[in-house]
Amino acid sequence: MLEIHVEEVETHTLCRPSGEIDAYTVGAFREALANLASSERLLIDLADVPFMDSAGLGALIGGIRKVREVEGAVAVSCPRQTLLRLLHTTGFDRIVPVTESLEEALEALDEQQAEASDS
């Protein structure tokens, strides 16, 4: 079973899914990300996701695109080595910053906003 916790923090929106993201649970994940599409600064924390298949990866990419369409910044925090390998192997980390800690992800959000304001 997948649970998705969303928290509005002072500087960003935190989306923290908990559970496996696969063909059976991806609908809820996709819906949660769609609801966060207007976020200016979205941090997705995958610390409590032990497994993600291609459906989950697709939902993640789709959600990120929606945030970026409205000029939002997105970063992914993933301390789990197996998921981290998946994100690196698939090239996901080339479209969005992927870090091992929340602190690094927040720094990546700051860097994205600085780059956007320089443009």
C-alpha atoms as a PDB file:
ATOM      1  CA  MET A   1       0.000   0.000   0.000  1.00  0.00           C
ATOM      2  CA  LEU A   2       1.233   3.451  -0.890  1.00  0.00           C
ATOM      3  CA  GLU A   3       0.715   6.453   1.360  1.00  0.00           C
ATOM      4  CA  ILE A   4       1.614   9.935   0.215  1.00  0.00           C
ATOM      5  CA  HIS A   5       2.313  12.664   2.714  1.00  0.00           C
ATOM      6  CA  VAL A   6       2.413  16.257   1.525  1.00  0.00           C
ATOM      7  CA  GLU A   7       3.661  18.999   3.773  1.00  0.00           C
ATOM      8  CA  GLU A   8       3.860  22.714   3.130  1.00  0.00           C
ATOM      9  CA  VAL A   9       7.128  23.782   4.718  1.00  0.00           C
ATOM     10  CA  GLU A  10       8.186  27.418   4.988  1.00  0.00           C
ATOM     11  CA  THR A  11      10.452  27.308   1.929  1.00  0.00           C
ATOM     12  CA  HIS A  12       9.041  24.435  -0.149  1.00  0.00           C
ATOM     13  CA  THR A  13       6.449  21.723  -0.608  1.00  0.00           C
ATOM     14  CA  LEU A  14       7.555  18.282   0.542  1.00  0.00           C
ATOM     15  CA  CYS A  15       6.049  15.183  -1.087  1.00  0.00           C
ATOM     16  CA  ARG A  16       6.955  12.024   0.782  1.00  0.00           C
ATOM     17  CA  PRO A  17       5.538   8.796  -0.661  1.00  0.00           C
ATOM     18  CA  SER A  18       5.762   5.744   1.576  1.00  0.00           C
ATOM     19  CA  GLY A  19       5.517   2.255   0.084  1.00  0.00           C
ATOM     20  CA  GLU A  20       6.144   0.658  -3.280  1.00  0.00           C
ATOM     21  CA  ILE A  21       5.373   2.646  -6.413  1.00  0.00           C
ATOM     22  CA  ASP A  22       4.382   0.206  -9.114  1.00  0.00           C
ATOM     23  CA  ALA A  23       1.613  -0.478 -11.623  1.00  0.00           C
ATOM     24  CA  TYR A  24      -0.858  -1.058  -8.768  1.00  0.00           C
ATOM     25  CA  THR A  25      -0.143   2.119  -6.808  1.00  0.00           C
ATOM     26  CA  VAL A  26       1.062   4.530  -9.488  1.00  0.00           C
ATOM     27  CA  GLY A  27      -2.368   6.132  -9.958  1.00  0.00           C
ATOM     28  CA  ALA A  28      -2.337   7.624  -6.468  1.00  0.00           C
ATOM     29  CA  PHE A  29       1.237   8.845  -6.938  1.00  0.00           C
ATOM     30  CA  ARG A  30       0.426  10.411 -10.315  1.00  0.00           C
ATOM     31  CA  GLU A  31      -2.630  12.134  -8.825  1.00  0.00           C
ATOM     32  CA  ALA A  32      -0.645  13.499  -5.875  1.00  0.00           C
ATOM     33  CA  LEU A  33       2.008  14.925  -8.201  1.00  0.00           C
ATOM     34  CA  ALA A  34      -0.673  16.452 -10.448  1.00  0.00           C
ATOM     35  CA  ASN A  35      -2.123  18.207  -7.391  1.00  0.00           C
ATOM     36  CA  LEU A  36       1.338  19.646  -6.682  1.00  0.00           C
ATOM     37  CA  ALA A  37       1.911  20.926 -10.223  1.00  0.00           C
ATOM     38  CA  SER A  38       1.598  24.566  -9.160  1.00  0.00           C
ATOM     39  CA  SER A  39       4.339  24.259  -6.528  1.00  0.00           C
ATOM     40  CA  GLU A  40       7.106  26.821  -6.853  1.00  0.00           C
ATOM     41  CA  ARG A  41       9.581  24.588  -4.995  1.00  0.00           C
ATOM     42  CA  LEU A  42       8.825  20.874  -4.817  1.00  0.00           C
ATOM     43  CA  LEU A  43      11.017  18.395  -3.001  1.00  0.00           C
ATOM     44  CA  ILE A  44      10.172  14.728  -3.514  1.00  0.00           C
ATOM     45  CA  ASP A  45      11.611  12.511  -0.781  1.00  0.00           C
ATOM     46  CA  LEU A  46      11.880   8.838  -1.768  1.00  0.00           C
ATOM     47  CA  ALA A  47      13.411   7.691   1.540  1.00  0.00           C
ATOM     48  CA  ASP A  48      10.386   5.514   2.339  1.00  0.00           C
ATOM     49  CA  VAL A  49      10.027   3.984  -1.139  1.00  0.00           C
ATOM     50  CA  PRO A  50      11.649   0.530  -1.175  1.00  0.00           C
ATOM     51  CA  PHE A  51      10.730  -0.173  -4.820  1.00  0.00           C
ATOM     52  CA  MET A  52       9.745   1.765  -7.931  1.00  0.00           C
ATOM     53  CA  ASP A  53       9.044   0.289 -11.351  1.00  0.00           C
ATOM     54  CA  SER A  54       8.879   1.952 -14.766  1.00  0.00           C
ATOM     55  CA  ALA A  55       5.296   3.100 -14.150  1.00  0.00           C
ATOM     56  CA  GLY A  56       6.443   4.959 -11.040  1.00  0.00           C
ATOM     57  CA  LEU A  57       9.378   6.465 -12.903  1.00  0.00           C
ATOM     58  CA  GLY A  58       7.022   7.633 -15.655  1.00  0.00           C
ATOM     59  CA  ALA A  59       4.697   9.247 -13.119  1.00  0.00           C
ATOM     60  CA  LEU A  60       7.660  10.955 -11.472  1.00  0.00           C
ATOM     61  CA  ILE A  61       8.848  12.377 -14.807  1.00  0.00           C
ATOM     62  CA  GLY A  62       5.326  13.515 -15.712  1.00  0.00           C
ATOM     63  CA  GLY A  63       4.885  15.270 -12.375  1.00  0.00           C
ATOM     64  CA  ILE A  64       8.207  17.033 -12.721  1.00  0.00           C
ATOM     65  CA  ARG A  65       7.323  18.245 -16.219  1.00  0.00           C
ATOM     66  CA  LYS A  66       4.095  19.776 -14.917  1.00  0.00           C
ATOM     67  CA  VAL A  67       5.910  21.686 -12.180  1.00  0.00           C
ATOM     68  CA  ARG A  68       8.520  22.905 -14.639  1.00  0.00           C
ATOM     69  CA  GLU A  69       5.827  24.065 -17.088  1.00  0.00           C
ATOM     70  CA  VAL A  70       4.823  26.690 -14.528  1.00  0.00           C
ATOM     71  CA  GLU A  71       8.465  27.665 -13.863  1.00  0.00           C
ATOM     72  CA  GLY A  72       8.695  25.655 -10.646  1.00  0.00           C
ATOM     73  CA  ALA A  73      11.848  24.041  -9.253  1.00  0.00           C
ATOM     74  CA  VAL A  74      11.990  20.328  -8.392  1.00  0.00           C
ATOM     75  CA  ALA A  75      14.546  18.138  -6.646  1.00  0.00           C
ATOM     76  CA  VAL A  76      14.472  14.505  -5.559  1.00  0.00           C
ATOM     77  CA  SER A  77      16.016  13.173  -2.372  1.00  0.00           C
ATOM     78  CA  CYS A  78      16.765   9.457  -2.388  1.00  0.00           C
ATOM     79  CA  PRO A  79      18.990   7.860   0.254  1.00  0.00           C
ATOM     80  CA  ARG A  80      18.172   4.303  -0.931  1.00  0.00           C
ATOM     81  CA  GLN A  81      21.064   2.998  -3.022  1.00  0.00           C
ATOM     82  CA  THR A  82      18.922   0.663  -5.142  1.00  0.00           C
ATOM     83  CA  LEU A  83      16.561   3.459  -6.185  1.00  0.00           C
ATOM     84  CA  LEU A  84      19.457   5.864  -6.587  1.00  0.00           C
ATOM     85  CA  ARG A  85      21.067   3.427  -9.025  1.00  0.00           C
ATOM     86  CA  LEU A  86      17.789   3.216 -10.971  1.00  0.00           C
ATOM     87  CA  LEU A  87      17.545   6.998 -11.199  1.00  0.00           C
ATOM     88  CA  HIS A  88      21.159   7.297 -12.367  1.00  0.00           C
ATOM     89  CA  THR A  89      21.029   4.341 -14.785  1.00  0.00           C
ATOM     90  CA  THR A  90      17.892   5.624 -16.514  1.00  0.00           C
ATOM     91  CA  GLY A  91      19.323   9.134 -16.861  1.00  0.00           C
ATOM     92  CA  PHE A  92      16.609  10.569 -14.633  1.00  0.00           C
ATOM     93  CA  ASP A  93      19.253  12.559 -12.764  1.00  0.00           C
ATOM     94  CA  ARG A  94      19.956  14.504 -15.969  1.00  0.00           C
ATOM     95  CA  ILE A  95      16.483  16.052 -15.963  1.00  0.00           C
ATOM     96  CA  VAL A  96      16.216  16.852 -12.262  1.00  0.00           C
ATOM     97  CA  PRO A  97      18.692  17.009  -9.376  1.00  0.00           C
ATOM     98  CA  VAL A  98      18.806  13.755  -7.417  1.00  0.00           C
ATOM     99  CA  THR A  99      20.555  13.881  -4.059  1.00  0.00           C
ATOM    100  CA  GLU A 100      21.064  11.489  -1.172  1.00  0.00           C
ATOM    101  CA  SER A 101      19.835  13.885   1.538  1.00  0.00           C
ATOM    102  CA  LEU A 102      17.058  16.414   2.064  1.00  0.00           C
ATOM    103  CA  GLU A 103      19.629  19.119   2.798  1.00  0.00           C
ATOM    104  CA  GLU A 104      21.348  18.571  -0.561  1.00  0.00           C
ATOM    105  CA  ALA A 105      17.972  18.569  -2.311  1.00  0.00           C
ATOM    106  CA  LEU A 106      17.111  21.929  -0.735  1.00  0.00           C
ATOM    107  CA  GLU A 107      20.441  23.311  -1.959  1.00  0.00           C
ATOM    108  CA  ALA A 108      19.591  22.019  -5.448  1.00  0.00           C
ATOM    109  CA  LEU A 109      16.248  23.860  -5.292  1.00  0.00           C
ATOM    110  CA  ASP A 110      18.088  27.057  -4.334  1.00  0.00           C
ATOM    111  CA  GLU A 111      20.517  26.623  -7.236  1.00  0.00           C
ATOM    112  CA  GLN A 112      17.655  26.089  -9.714  1.00  0.00           C
ATOM    113  CA  GLN A 113      15.941  29.255  -8.569  1.00  0.00           C
ATOM    114  CA  ALA A 114      19.185  31.235  -8.734  1.00  0.00           C
ATOM    115  CA  GLU A 115      19.753  30.016 -12.300  1.00  0.00           C
ATOM    116  CA  ALA A 116      16.175  30.864 -13.255  1.00  0.00           C
ATOM    117  CA  SER A 117      16.478  34.394 -11.892  1.00  0.00           C
ATOM    118  CA  ASP A 118      19.758  34.894 -13.786  1.00  0.00           C
ATOM    119  CA  SER A 119      18.048  34.007 -17.097  1.00  0.00           C
END
